[in-house]
Amino acid sequence: MRNLVYHVAMSLDNYICHTDGSIGGFAAFAEGEHVDEYMASLQEYDTVVMGRKTYEFGYDYGLPPGQPAYPHMMHYIFSTTLDFGDDVSEKVKVISADAAAFVAELKNSEGSDIYLCGGGDFAGQLLDAGLIDQLRIKLYPVILGDGIRLFGANHKAVDLKTVAKKFYDNGAMLLTYDVG
């Protein structure tokens, strides 16, 4: 069985981005050893799941609609409104079906661990369904004050087991937890 890993950056006050989806509050952490390690860790995954807003966030960084954000991964984007027509890569599938049921089935398929890229509301749905196996939190020493929470509006209590922690010279931390 494949693990679903929520690998995400977060502020000290539990936000993964500003309310409008922008990440300007994390600008001081756009470079460094932690970024290099994150980029290298993406090679561990062959599949990524994300919500529509997270996928569309890539457009601001040059991602053409319908193309993979991570060329070596199969992409499943969960949306009831997204439609690329014929301009879509074979590595990008839009899923309008029940996300929890689809991800549960995906976890039972062959492959490496699955990268849960976001967003917060989508992650909250998967947490509610008991599908997230591991959290890899890139914790940045900033307070955004408002934004999109790590698990959206979800308030489910979950026990975590610390697996690893790493501290970086710039104040960032990588915290890894197994869920449940």
C-alpha atoms as a PDB file:
ATOM      1  CA  MET A   1       0.000   0.000   0.000  1.00  0.00           C
ATOM      2  CA  ARG A   2       1.237   3.479  -0.923  1.00  0.00           C
ATOM      3  CA  ASN A   3       1.477   6.271   1.632  1.00  0.00           C
ATOM      4  CA  LEU A   4      -0.110   9.667   1.110  1.00  0.00           C
ATOM      5  CA  VAL A   5       2.378  12.343   2.229  1.00  0.00           C
ATOM      6  CA  TYR A   6       1.266  15.941   2.814  1.00  0.00           C
ATOM      7  CA  HIS A   7       4.511  17.800   2.118  1.00  0.00           C
ATOM      8  CA  VAL A   8       3.868  21.511   2.614  1.00  0.00           C
ATOM      9  CA  ALA A   9       5.255  24.819   3.852  1.00  0.00           C
ATOM     10  CA  MET A  10       3.556  26.433   6.846  1.00  0.00           C
ATOM     11  CA  SER A  11       3.855  29.568   8.972  1.00  0.00           C
ATOM     12  CA  LEU A  12       4.066  29.433  12.755  1.00  0.00           C
ATOM     13  CA  ASP A  13       0.389  30.386  12.921  1.00  0.00           C
ATOM     14  CA  ASN A  14      -0.733  27.383  10.814  1.00  0.00           C
ATOM     15  CA  TYR A  15      -1.165  28.981   7.359  1.00  0.00           C
ATOM     16  CA  ILE A  16       0.101  27.522   4.077  1.00  0.00           C
ATOM     17  CA  CYS A  17      -0.474  30.755   2.150  1.00  0.00           C
ATOM     18  CA  HIS A  18      -2.262  34.093   2.312  1.00  0.00           C
ATOM     19  CA  THR A  19      -6.055  34.239   1.948  1.00  0.00           C
ATOM     20  CA  ASP A  20      -5.692  35.023  -1.774  1.00  0.00           C
ATOM     21  CA  GLY A  21      -3.453  31.970  -2.274  1.00  0.00           C
ATOM     22  CA  SER A  22      -0.243  33.967  -2.630  1.00  0.00           C
ATOM     23  CA  ILE A  23       2.955  33.018  -0.798  1.00  0.00           C
ATOM     24  CA  GLY A  24       4.713  36.385  -0.472  1.00  0.00           C
ATOM     25  CA  GLY A  25       4.990  35.924   3.282  1.00  0.00           C
ATOM     26  CA  PHE A  26       7.393  33.047   2.645  1.00  0.00           C
ATOM     27  CA  ALA A  27       9.638  35.056   0.284  1.00  0.00           C
ATOM     28  CA  ALA A  28      12.568  35.067   2.716  1.00  0.00           C
ATOM     29  CA  PHE A  29      12.633  31.266   2.459  1.00  0.00           C
ATOM     30  CA  ALA A  30      12.598  30.928  -1.333  1.00  0.00           C
ATOM     31  CA  GLU A  31      16.241  29.810  -1.407  1.00  0.00           C
ATOM     32  CA  GLY A  32      18.552  27.747   0.712  1.00  0.00           C
ATOM     33  CA  GLU A  33      19.468  24.255   1.742  1.00  0.00           C
ATOM     34  CA  HIS A  34      15.873  23.442   2.730  1.00  0.00           C
ATOM     35  CA  VAL A  35      14.651  24.293  -0.803  1.00  0.00           C
ATOM     36  CA  ASP A  36      17.364  22.162  -2.422  1.00  0.00           C
ATOM     37  CA  GLU A  37      16.426  19.231  -0.176  1.00  0.00           C
ATOM     38  CA  TYR A  38      12.721  19.690  -0.922  1.00  0.00           C
ATOM     39  CA  MET A  39      13.367  19.692  -4.679  1.00  0.00           C
ATOM     40  CA  ALA A  40      15.453  16.520  -4.359  1.00  0.00           C
ATOM     41  CA  SER A  41      12.763  14.859  -2.220  1.00  0.00           C
ATOM     42  CA  LEU A  42      10.218  15.295  -5.007  1.00  0.00           C
ATOM     43  CA  GLN A  43      12.017  12.493  -6.844  1.00  0.00           C
ATOM     44  CA  GLU A  44      10.642  10.073  -4.205  1.00  0.00           C
ATOM     45  CA  TYR A  45       7.134  10.472  -5.619  1.00  0.00           C
ATOM     46  CA  ASP A  46       5.687   9.222  -8.896  1.00  0.00           C
ATOM     47  CA  THR A  47       2.194  10.625  -8.287  1.00  0.00           C
ATOM     48  CA  VAL A  48       0.831  13.965  -7.073  1.00  0.00           C
ATOM     49  CA  VAL A  49      -2.706  14.857  -5.979  1.00  0.00           C
ATOM     50  CA  MET A  50      -3.968  18.406  -5.520  1.00  0.00           C
ATOM     51  CA  GLY A  51      -6.990  20.637  -5.672  1.00  0.00           C
ATOM     52  CA  ARG A  52      -7.781  22.951  -8.574  1.00  0.00           C
ATOM     53  CA  LYS A  53      -6.559  26.151  -6.890  1.00  0.00           C
ATOM     54  CA  THR A  54      -3.208  24.571  -6.062  1.00  0.00           C
ATOM     55  CA  TYR A  55      -2.779  23.442  -9.667  1.00  0.00           C
ATOM     56  CA  GLU A  56      -3.800  26.845 -11.050  1.00  0.00           C
ATOM     57  CA  PHE A  57      -1.307  28.515  -8.678  1.00  0.00           C
ATOM     58  CA  GLY A  58       1.373  27.160 -11.032  1.00  0.00           C
ATOM     59  CA  TYR A  59       0.091  29.377 -13.857  1.00  0.00           C
ATOM     60  CA  ASP A  60       1.676  32.358 -12.070  1.00  0.00           C
ATOM     61  CA  TYR A  61       5.047  30.598 -12.447  1.00  0.00           C
ATOM     62  CA  GLY A  62       4.721  29.677 -16.127  1.00  0.00           C
ATOM     63  CA  LEU A  63       2.878  26.352 -15.923  1.00  0.00           C
ATOM     64  CA  PRO A  64       0.826  25.946 -19.107  1.00  0.00           C
ATOM     65  CA  PRO A  65      -2.746  24.744 -18.381  1.00  0.00           C
ATOM     66  CA  GLY A  66      -3.075  20.985 -18.818  1.00  0.00           C
ATOM     67  CA  GLN A  67       0.628  20.297 -18.396  1.00  0.00           C
ATOM     68  CA  PRO A  68       2.349  18.558 -15.458  1.00  0.00           C
ATOM     69  CA  ALA A  69       3.862  20.774 -12.770  1.00  0.00           C
ATOM     70  CA  TYR A  70       6.246  17.914 -11.933  1.00  0.00           C
ATOM     71  CA  PRO A  71       7.178  16.244 -15.236  1.00  0.00           C
ATOM     72  CA  HIS A  72       8.121  12.869 -13.709  1.00  0.00           C
ATOM     73  CA  MET A  73       4.819  12.496 -11.792  1.00  0.00           C
ATOM     74  CA  MET A  74       1.309  11.467 -12.732  1.00  0.00           C
ATOM     75  CA  HIS A  75      -1.043  14.343 -11.729  1.00  0.00           C
ATOM     76  CA  TYR A  76      -4.559  13.984 -10.384  1.00  0.00           C
ATOM     77  CA  ILE A  77      -6.261  17.354 -10.005  1.00  0.00           C
ATOM     78  CA  PHE A  78      -9.559  17.330  -8.122  1.00  0.00           C
ATOM     79  CA  SER A  79     -12.087  19.741  -9.583  1.00  0.00           C
ATOM     80  CA  THR A  80     -15.660  19.854 -10.820  1.00  0.00           C
ATOM     81  CA  THR A  81     -15.007  22.903 -13.029  1.00  0.00           C
ATOM     82  CA  LEU A  82     -11.544  22.468 -14.597  1.00  0.00           C
ATOM     83  CA  ASP A  83     -11.516  21.448 -18.270  1.00  0.00           C
ATOM     84  CA  PHE A  84      -8.435  21.508 -20.489  1.00  0.00           C
ATOM     85  CA  GLY A  85     -10.159  20.247 -23.621  1.00  0.00           C
ATOM     86  CA  ASP A  86      -7.655  18.585 -25.952  1.00  0.00           C
ATOM     87  CA  ASP A  87      -4.669  20.572 -24.622  1.00  0.00           C
ATOM     88  CA  VAL A  88      -3.850  18.173 -21.816  1.00  0.00           C
ATOM     89  CA  SER A  89      -0.845  15.990 -21.124  1.00  0.00           C
ATOM     90  CA  GLU A  90      -1.339  12.275 -20.576  1.00  0.00           C
ATOM     91  CA  LYS A  91       0.295  12.896 -17.165  1.00  0.00           C
ATOM     92  CA  VAL A  92      -2.594  15.158 -16.068  1.00  0.00           C
ATOM     93  CA  LYS A  93      -6.040  13.835 -15.152  1.00  0.00           C
ATOM     94  CA  VAL A  94      -8.877  15.942 -13.783  1.00  0.00           C
ATOM     95  CA  ILE A  95     -10.956  13.998 -11.272  1.00  0.00           C
ATOM     96  CA  SER A  96     -14.486  15.158 -10.491  1.00  0.00           C
ATOM     97  CA  ALA A  97     -15.426  12.004  -8.556  1.00  0.00           C
ATOM     98  CA  ASP A  98     -15.387  11.695  -4.770  1.00  0.00           C
ATOM     99  CA  ALA A  99     -11.826  12.630  -3.763  1.00  0.00           C
ATOM    100  CA  ALA A 100     -11.627  10.351  -0.717  1.00  0.00           C
ATOM    101  CA  ALA A 101     -12.793   7.275  -2.619  1.00  0.00           C
ATOM    102  CA  PHE A 102     -10.446   7.996  -5.529  1.00  0.00           C
ATOM    103  CA  VAL A 103      -7.415   8.590  -3.293  1.00  0.00           C
ATOM    104  CA  ALA A 104      -8.180   5.435  -1.267  1.00  0.00           C
ATOM    105  CA  GLU A 105      -8.166   3.449  -4.500  1.00  0.00           C
ATOM    106  CA  LEU A 106      -4.997   5.198  -5.680  1.00  0.00           C
ATOM    107  CA  LYS A 107      -3.227   4.270  -2.430  1.00  0.00           C
ATOM    108  CA  ASN A 108      -3.957   0.617  -3.199  1.00  0.00           C
ATOM    109  CA  SER A 109      -2.379   0.817  -6.654  1.00  0.00           C
ATOM    110  CA  GLU A 110       1.236   0.134  -7.587  1.00  0.00           C
ATOM    111  CA  GLY A 111       3.825   2.874  -7.214  1.00  0.00           C
ATOM    112  CA  SER A 112       5.781   4.991  -4.777  1.00  0.00           C
ATOM    113  CA  ASP A 113       4.386   7.251  -2.070  1.00  0.00           C
ATOM    114  CA  ILE A 114       1.880   9.860  -3.242  1.00  0.00           C
ATOM    115  CA  TYR A 115       2.624  13.578  -2.859  1.00  0.00           C
ATOM    116  CA  LEU A 116      -0.316  15.572  -1.500  1.00  0.00           C
ATOM    117  CA  CYS A 117       0.547  19.033  -2.774  1.00  0.00           C
ATOM    118  CA  GLY A 118      -2.502  20.852  -1.382  1.00  0.00           C
ATOM    119  CA  GLY A 119      -4.489  22.887  -0.779  1.00  0.00           C
ATOM    120  CA  GLY A 120      -5.695  23.219   2.768  1.00  0.00           C
ATOM    121  CA  ASP A 121      -9.372  22.415   2.216  1.00  0.00           C
ATOM    122  CA  PHE A 122      -8.503  19.410   0.046  1.00  0.00           C
ATOM    123  CA  ALA A 123      -6.008  18.168   2.662  1.00  0.00           C
ATOM    124  CA  GLY A 124      -8.682  18.613   5.334  1.00  0.00           C
ATOM    125  CA  GLN A 125     -11.059  16.356   3.384  1.00  0.00           C
ATOM    126  CA  LEU A 126      -8.393  13.672   3.091  1.00  0.00           C
ATOM    127  CA  LEU A 127      -7.471  13.999   6.778  1.00  0.00           C
ATOM    128  CA  ASP A 128     -11.153  13.564   7.685  1.00  0.00           C
ATOM    129  CA  ALA A 129     -11.233  10.395   5.595  1.00  0.00           C
ATOM    130  CA  GLY A 130      -8.152   9.019   7.393  1.00  0.00           C
ATOM    131  CA  LEU A 131      -6.106   8.899   4.192  1.00  0.00           C
ATOM    132  CA  ILE A 132      -3.035  11.003   5.085  1.00  0.00           C
ATOM    133  CA  ASP A 133      -0.192   8.802   6.324  1.00  0.00           C
ATOM    134  CA  GLN A 134       2.567  11.323   6.853  1.00  0.00           C
ATOM    135  CA  LEU A 135       3.085  15.071   7.267  1.00  0.00           C
ATOM    136  CA  ARG A 136       6.295  16.748   6.128  1.00  0.00           C
ATOM    137  CA  ILE A 137       5.990  20.294   7.358  1.00  0.00           C
ATOM    138  CA  LYS A 138       8.452  22.940   6.226  1.00  0.00           C
ATOM    139  CA  LEU A 139       7.894  25.276   9.176  1.00  0.00           C
ATOM    140  CA  TYR A 140       8.955  28.854   8.527  1.00  0.00           C
ATOM    141  CA  PRO A 141       9.524  31.354  11.364  1.00  0.00           C
ATOM    142  CA  VAL A 142       6.948  33.849  10.140  1.00  0.00           C
ATOM    143  CA  ILE A 143       3.462  34.779  11.273  1.00  0.00           C
ATOM    144  CA  LEU A 144       1.117  35.475   8.361  1.00  0.00           C
ATOM    145  CA  GLY A 145      -1.779  36.591  10.570  1.00  0.00           C
ATOM    146  CA  ASP A 146      -4.392  35.237   8.172  1.00  0.00           C
ATOM    147  CA  GLY A 147      -4.610  32.862   5.277  1.00  0.00           C
ATOM    148  CA  ILE A 148      -5.482  29.322   4.321  1.00  0.00           C
ATOM    149  CA  ARG A 149      -4.994  26.916   7.200  1.00  0.00           C
ATOM    150  CA  LEU A 150      -2.972  23.715   6.910  1.00  0.00           C
ATOM    151  CA  PHE A 151      -6.186  21.650   6.875  1.00  0.00           C
ATOM    152  CA  GLY A 152      -8.652  24.346   5.810  1.00  0.00           C
ATOM    153  CA  ALA A 153     -11.714  24.501   8.036  1.00  0.00           C
ATOM    154  CA  ASN A 154     -11.097  20.972   9.370  1.00  0.00           C
ATOM    155  CA  HIS A 155     -10.881  20.640  13.155  1.00  0.00           C
ATOM    156  CA  LYS A 156     -10.369  16.877  13.461  1.00  0.00           C
ATOM    157  CA  ALA A 157      -8.066  15.826  16.294  1.00  0.00           C
ATOM    158  CA  VAL A 158      -5.325  13.440  15.147  1.00  0.00           C
ATOM    159  CA  ASP A 159      -2.418  11.849  17.006  1.00  0.00           C
ATOM    160  CA  LEU A 160       0.989  12.266  15.392  1.00  0.00           C
ATOM    161  CA  LYS A 161       4.281  10.457  15.928  1.00  0.00           C
ATOM    162  CA  THR A 162       7.454  12.459  15.359  1.00  0.00           C
ATOM    163  CA  VAL A 163       9.628  10.681  12.805  1.00  0.00           C
ATOM    164  CA  ALA A 164      12.289  13.308  12.096  1.00  0.00           C
ATOM    165  CA  LYS A 165      13.175  16.943  12.611  1.00  0.00           C
ATOM    166  CA  LYS A 166      15.807  19.063  10.959  1.00  0.00           C
ATOM    167  CA  PHE A 167      16.766  22.641  11.718  1.00  0.00           C
ATOM    168  CA  TYR A 168      18.251  25.008   9.130  1.00  0.00           C
ATOM    169  CA  ASP A 169      20.515  28.023   9.664  1.00  0.00           C
ATOM    170  CA  ASN A 170      17.856  30.403   8.302  1.00  0.00           C
ATOM    171  CA  GLY A 171      15.372  29.357  11.003  1.00  0.00           C
ATOM    172  CA  ALA A 172      13.322  26.990   8.833  1.00  0.00           C
ATOM    173  CA  MET A 173      12.563  23.512  10.146  1.00  0.00           C
ATOM    174  CA  LEU A 174      11.507  20.295   8.465  1.00  0.00           C
ATOM    175  CA  LEU A 175       9.231  18.308  10.749  1.00  0.00           C
ATOM    176  CA  THR A 176       8.115  14.818   9.747  1.00  0.00           C
ATOM    177  CA  TYR A 177       5.223  13.070  11.478  1.00  0.00           C
ATOM    178  CA  ASP A 178       3.427   9.787  10.939  1.00  0.00           C
ATOM    179  CA  VAL A 179      -0.343  10.190  11.273  1.00  0.00           C
ATOM    180  CA  GLY A 180      -2.328   8.076  13.710  1.00  0.00           C
END
